């Protein structure tokens, strides 16, 4: 019961208040009468804003319900720089971790290892988790150590299910939806009020040349590279043609030194054209490989 109360207290801090103890080791936890739990020494704390709370609840609910789609969506949303993620591969790897958690006790499945593997998978797909979520992972790992010491048969998923389901019901209620709508409406109102001023400042900076816009596009880069290569090839071809023309003219004029019955200048022009032709040929071969 004490472990269950402590775990529920942590979930309440994180998912209800969005403000939680970041270092809940045994010295920072007091057991009061009626098995109540008190936390002390808030030297390390974490904070979840509404968006992070919402997606973390979806993530936790997906784990509890063994819903890999929900877990993958929540991780992708929370992840920093999480663009172009292969969702099918991500879901497959997550299913290998989430599946064994169901009906397992702390003694059978280490939450710390599950979190570590989940973070590794997220990183492999370019998903860097926000710092508050990483701190929450540290908090869960610390609580796991306490649970293993006092109640190794504590089933963390089963214990979490009623709490998470209650949160989901609350967030689906008309009152919660209405409050969310009002908050978003107020945000939009503030945005609409400040937009003209911000737009004027941005236009003023553009007119003064203060704003620098950097656009990175792989297709544009490829096109630019191809244009550069084509220009170089045209330049080589023009030089080769010019040298051949000069050589042909010099053979007709026949002025200056003669080698093998060919004017030296004509011979040098032909050799230069041949050398450039070989360079161009090998350059094209390298680009095609």
Protein backbone atom coordinates (compact mmCIF):
# COMPACT_ATOMS: atom_id res chain seq x y z
CA UNK A 1 0.00 0.00 0.00
CA UNK A 2 2.86 2.41 0.82
CA UNK A 3 4.53 1.79 -2.55
CA UNK A 4 1.18 2.21 -4.32
CA UNK A 5 0.51 5.51 -2.51
CA UNK A 6 3.99 6.80 -3.31
CA UNK A 7 3.62 5.88 -6.97
CA UNK A 8 0.16 7.53 -7.17
CA UNK A 9 1.57 10.64 -5.47
CA UNK A 10 4.26 10.90 -8.15
CA UNK A 11 1.76 10.42 -10.97
CA UNK A 12 -0.43 13.13 -9.41
CA UNK A 13 2.50 15.53 -9.26
CA UNK A 14 3.43 14.93 -12.89
CA UNK A 15 0.13 14.50 -14.72
CA UNK A 16 -2.21 16.63 -12.59
CA UNK A 17 -0.07 19.47 -11.25
CA UNK A 18 2.73 19.34 -13.83
CA UNK A 19 5.27 19.96 -11.05
CA UNK A 20 7.15 17.02 -9.57
CA UNK A 21 9.99 16.02 -7.24
CA UNK A 22 13.04 15.21 -9.35
CA UNK A 23 15.01 13.28 -6.73
CA UNK A 24 12.63 11.06 -4.69
CA UNK A 25 15.20 8.83 -2.97
CA UNK A 26 14.26 7.28 0.41
CA UNK A 27 15.77 10.18 2.38
CA UNK A 28 13.38 12.60 0.65
CA UNK A 29 10.22 10.56 1.29
CA UNK A 30 8.39 10.37 4.60
CA UNK A 31 5.71 7.81 5.48
CA UNK A 32 3.04 9.39 7.69
CA UNK A 33 0.04 7.97 9.51
CA UNK A 34 -2.46 5.99 7.45
CA UNK A 35 0.36 5.22 4.99
CA UNK A 36 0.27 8.79 3.62
CA UNK A 37 3.34 9.97 1.71
CA UNK A 38 5.18 13.27 2.14
CA UNK A 39 8.02 14.54 -0.06
CA UNK A 40 10.76 16.82 1.30
CA UNK A 41 13.84 18.65 -0.06
CA UNK A 42 12.63 19.93 -3.42
CA UNK A 43 16.16 20.76 -4.58
CA UNK A 44 15.52 19.17 -7.97
CA UNK A 45 12.12 19.65 -9.55
CA UNK A 46 10.60 19.15 -12.99
CA UNK A 47 7.80 20.95 -14.79
CA UNK A 48 5.45 19.74 -17.52
CA UNK A 49 3.51 22.35 -19.48
CA UNK A 50 0.01 21.49 -20.73
CA UNK A 51 1.21 20.19 -24.11
CA UNK A 52 3.86 17.96 -22.57
CA UNK A 53 1.39 16.73 -19.94
CA UNK A 54 -1.16 15.89 -22.62
CA UNK A 55 1.28 13.93 -24.77
CA UNK A 56 2.90 12.24 -21.76
CA UNK A 57 -0.54 11.03 -20.65
CA UNK A 58 -1.14 9.67 -24.16
CA UNK A 59 2.26 7.98 -24.03
CA UNK A 60 1.59 6.44 -20.62
CA UNK A 61 -1.92 5.39 -21.62
CA UNK A 62 -0.54 3.77 -24.77
CA UNK A 63 1.94 1.78 -22.67
CA UNK A 64 -0.76 0.74 -20.19
CA UNK A 65 -3.13 -0.35 -22.98
CA UNK A 66 -0.32 -1.87 -25.08
CA UNK A 67 -1.26 0.55 -27.89
CA UNK A 68 1.91 0.95 -29.95
CA UNK A 69 0.32 3.44 -32.36
CA UNK A 70 -0.48 5.83 -29.51
CA UNK A 71 3.01 5.50 -28.04
CA UNK A 72 4.68 6.16 -31.40
CA UNK A 73 2.48 9.21 -32.05
CA UNK A 74 3.19 10.64 -28.59
CA UNK A 75 6.95 10.11 -28.93
CA UNK A 76 6.99 11.69 -32.39
CA UNK A 77 5.07 14.72 -31.12
CA UNK A 78 7.28 15.17 -28.05
CA UNK A 79 10.54 14.56 -29.88
CA UNK A 80 12.68 17.52 -30.88
CA UNK A 81 13.68 17.43 -34.57
CA UNK A 82 11.30 14.56 -35.10
CA UNK A 83 10.69 14.99 -38.84
CA UNK A 84 10.58 12.25 -41.48
CA UNK A 85 10.30 9.42 -38.94
CA UNK A 86 9.55 5.94 -40.30
CA UNK A 87 6.51 5.22 -38.13
CA UNK A 88 6.22 1.52 -39.12
CA UNK A 89 9.78 0.71 -38.06
CA UNK A 90 9.43 2.82 -34.91
CA UNK A 91 6.22 1.00 -33.90
CA UNK A 92 7.82 -2.41 -34.47
CA UNK A 93 10.78 -1.62 -32.20
CA UNK A 94 8.52 -0.13 -29.53
CA UNK A 95 6.28 -3.22 -29.56
CA UNK A 96 9.29 -5.36 -28.57
CA UNK A 97 9.66 -3.24 -25.41
CA UNK A 98 6.05 -2.52 -24.44
CA UNK A 99 4.74 -6.08 -24.83
CA UNK A 100 6.73 -7.67 -21.97
CA UNK A 101 5.60 -4.94 -19.56
CA UNK A 102 2.02 -6.18 -19.42
CA UNK A 103 1.20 -8.16 -16.22
CA UNK A 104 4.88 -8.05 -15.18
CA UNK A 105 6.22 -7.12 -11.75
CA UNK A 106 9.17 -4.85 -10.98
CA UNK A 107 11.20 -7.95 -10.24
CA UNK A 108 10.54 -9.34 -13.73
CA UNK A 109 10.91 -6.21 -15.85
CA UNK A 110 13.25 -3.32 -15.00
CA UNK A 111 11.55 0.00 -15.74
CA UNK A 112 14.97 1.65 -15.92
CA UNK A 113 16.00 -0.65 -18.76
CA UNK A 114 12.69 -0.09 -20.57
CA UNK A 115 13.14 3.69 -20.35
CA UNK A 116 16.76 3.43 -21.49
CA UNK A 117 15.81 1.29 -24.49
CA UNK A 118 12.92 3.63 -25.35
CA UNK A 119 15.21 6.65 -25.24
CA UNK A 120 17.78 4.83 -27.41
CA UNK A 121 15.11 3.99 -29.98
CA UNK A 122 13.88 7.59 -29.99
CA UNK A 123 17.43 8.86 -30.53
CA UNK A 124 17.99 6.38 -33.35
CA UNK A 125 15.02 7.95 -35.13
CA UNK A 126 16.21 11.49 -34.48
CA UNK A 127 13.77 12.11 -31.62
CA UNK A 128 15.42 14.02 -28.78
CA UNK A 129 13.17 14.08 -25.73
CA UNK A 130 12.54 17.36 -23.83
CA UNK A 131 14.63 17.82 -20.69
CA UNK A 132 11.62 17.68 -18.28
CA UNK A 133 10.64 14.29 -19.70
CA UNK A 134 14.21 13.00 -19.24
CA UNK A 135 14.09 14.20 -15.62
CA UNK A 136 10.78 12.36 -15.19
CA UNK A 137 12.51 9.21 -16.45
CA UNK A 138 15.17 9.69 -13.75
CA UNK A 139 12.41 10.08 -11.15
CA UNK A 140 10.74 6.83 -12.22
CA UNK A 141 14.07 4.99 -12.10
CA UNK A 142 14.68 6.25 -8.55
CA UNK A 143 11.21 5.11 -7.48
CA UNK A 144 11.86 1.74 -9.12
CA UNK A 145 14.85 1.25 -6.82
CA UNK A 146 12.65 1.88 -3.79
CA UNK A 147 9.96 -0.45 -5.11
CA UNK A 148 12.44 -3.27 -5.75
CA UNK A 149 13.68 -2.96 -2.18
CA UNK A 150 10.28 -2.91 -0.43
CA UNK A 151 7.86 -4.58 -2.84
CA UNK A 152 9.53 -6.38 -5.77
CA UNK A 153 6.19 -7.88 -6.84
CA UNK A 154 4.61 -4.47 -7.36
CA UNK A 155 3.00 -4.44 -10.83
CA UNK A 156 3.62 -0.94 -12.10
CA UNK A 157 1.39 -1.18 -15.19
CA UNK A 158 -1.61 -2.59 -13.32
CA UNK A 159 -1.17 0.03 -10.59
CA UNK A 160 -1.02 2.83 -13.17
CA UNK A 161 -4.05 1.78 -15.19
CA UNK A 162 -6.89 3.16 -12.96
CA UNK A 163 -5.08 6.47 -12.50
CA UNK A 164 -4.36 6.97 -16.22
CA UNK A 165 -7.88 5.89 -17.25
CA UNK A 166 -9.30 8.47 -14.81
CA UNK A 167 -7.14 11.17 -16.39
CA UNK A 168 -8.30 10.17 -19.88
CA UNK A 169 -11.95 10.36 -18.79
CA UNK A 170 -11.39 13.79 -17.26
CA UNK A 171 -9.73 15.08 -20.42
CA UNK A 172 -12.65 13.80 -22.49
CA UNK A 173 -15.25 15.53 -20.33
CA UNK A 174 -17.17 18.53 -21.76
CA UNK A 175 -15.85 20.81 -19.00
CA UNK A 176 -12.22 20.02 -19.82
CA UNK A 177 -12.83 20.41 -23.56
CA UNK A 178 -14.57 23.75 -22.94
CA UNK A 179 -11.70 24.99 -20.73
CA UNK A 180 -9.18 23.96 -23.40
CA UNK A 181 -11.21 25.77 -26.03
CA UNK A 182 -11.30 28.94 -23.91
CA UNK A 183 -7.53 28.79 -23.31
CA UNK A 184 -6.84 28.35 -27.02
CA UNK A 185 -9.26 31.16 -27.85
CA UNK A 186 -7.41 33.48 -25.44
CA UNK A 187 -4.07 32.50 -27.01
CA UNK A 188 -5.46 33.24 -30.46
CA UNK A 189 -6.82 36.58 -29.20
CA UNK A 190 -3.37 37.55 -27.89
CA UNK A 191 -1.79 36.44 -31.16
CA UNK A 192 -4.28 38.47 -33.22
CA UNK A 193 -3.67 41.55 -31.05
CA UNK A 194 0.14 41.41 -31.31
CA UNK A 195 0.38 40.21 -34.94
CA UNK A 196 0.11 43.67 -36.64
CA UNK A 197 2.88 45.10 -34.44
CA UNK A 198 5.14 42.08 -35.01
CA UNK A 199 4.46 42.18 -38.77
CA UNK A 200 5.38 45.90 -38.91
CA UNK A 201 8.64 45.23 -37.07
CA UNK A 202 9.49 42.32 -39.37
CA UNK A 203 8.78 44.36 -42.52
CA UNK A 204 10.86 47.23 -41.16
CA UNK A 205 13.80 44.89 -40.57
CA UNK A 206 13.44 43.45 -44.08
CA UNK A 207 13.48 46.97 -45.57
CA UNK A 208 16.63 47.80 -43.61
CA UNK A 209 18.23 44.51 -44.66
CA UNK A 210 18.58 43.34 -41.05
CA UNK A 211 16.79 40.02 -41.51
CA UNK A 212 18.77 37.28 -43.16
CA UNK A 213 16.80 34.31 -44.48
CA UNK A 214 18.60 31.00 -44.86
CA UNK A 215 16.70 28.41 -46.90
CA UNK A 216 18.08 24.89 -47.04
CA UNK A 217 16.58 22.56 -49.60
CA UNK A 218 18.28 19.36 -50.71
CA UNK A 219 16.62 19.44 -54.15
CA UNK A 220 17.80 23.01 -54.76
CA UNK A 221 21.30 22.04 -53.65
CA UNK A 222 21.32 19.09 -56.03
CA UNK A 223 20.10 21.30 -58.87
CA UNK A 224 22.79 23.87 -58.10
CA UNK A 225 25.46 21.15 -58.08
CA UNK A 226 24.26 19.78 -61.41
CA UNK A 227 24.28 23.27 -62.92
CA UNK A 228 27.87 23.77 -61.72
CA UNK A 229 28.94 20.45 -63.21
CA UNK A 230 27.23 21.18 -66.51
CA UNK A 231 28.86 24.63 -66.65
CA UNK A 232 32.28 23.08 -66.06
CA UNK A 233 31.69 20.56 -68.84
CA UNK A 234 30.63 23.31 -71.26
CA UNK A 235 33.75 25.30 -70.34
CA UNK A 236 35.97 22.28 -71.02
CA UNK A 237 34.20 21.66 -74.31
CA UNK A 238 34.63 25.30 -75.42
CA UNK A 239 38.36 25.21 -74.55
CA UNK A 240 38.81 21.95 -76.43
CA UNK A 241 36.99 23.35 -79.48
CA UNK A 242 39.04 26.57 -79.35
CA UNK A 243 42.33 24.65 -79.17
CA UNK A 244 41.30 22.42 -82.07
CA UNK A 245 40.38 25.46 -84.18
CA UNK A 246 43.67 27.18 -83.31
CA UNK A 247 45.58 24.01 -84.18
CA UNK A 248 43.77 23.64 -87.51
CA UNK A 249 44.50 27.27 -88.40
CA UNK A 250 48.18 26.96 -87.45
CA UNK A 251 48.61 23.90 -89.66
CA UNK A 252 47.49 26.02 -92.60
CA UNK A 253 49.72 28.99 -91.76
CA UNK A 254 52.81 26.84 -91.04
CA UNK A 255 54.74 29.60 -89.26
CA UNK A 256 57.42 29.04 -86.65
CA UNK A 257 59.15 25.77 -85.68
CA UNK A 258 57.90 22.55 -87.25
CA UNK A 259 57.80 19.07 -85.68
CA UNK A 260 56.73 16.00 -87.68
CA UNK A 261 55.77 18.37 -90.51
CA UNK A 262 53.32 20.13 -88.13
CA UNK A 263 53.68 23.62 -86.73
CA UNK A 264 54.81 23.55 -83.10
CA UNK A 265 51.94 25.85 -82.05
CA UNK A 266 49.45 23.59 -83.84
CA UNK A 267 50.91 20.52 -82.13
CA UNK A 268 50.72 22.17 -78.71
CA UNK A 269 47.07 23.15 -79.39
CA UNK A 270 46.19 19.56 -80.36
CA UNK A 271 48.01 18.16 -77.30
CA UNK A 272 46.20 20.66 -75.04
CA UNK A 273 42.84 19.70 -76.56
CA UNK A 274 43.65 15.99 -76.11
CA UNK A 275 44.68 16.51 -72.47
CA UNK A 276 41.48 18.44 -71.67
CA UNK A 277 39.39 15.78 -73.45
CA UNK A 278 40.92 13.05 -71.26
CA UNK A 279 40.24 15.10 -68.10
CA UNK A 280 36.63 15.66 -69.16
CA UNK A 281 36.19 11.96 -69.95
CA UNK A 282 37.42 10.78 -66.53
CA UNK A 283 35.39 13.52 -64.77
CA UNK A 284 32.19 12.19 -66.35
CA UNK A 285 33.11 8.61 -65.39
CA UNK A 286 33.60 9.58 -61.70
CA UNK A 287 30.22 11.34 -61.53
CA UNK A 288 28.38 8.36 -62.98
CA UNK A 289 29.74 5.92 -60.37
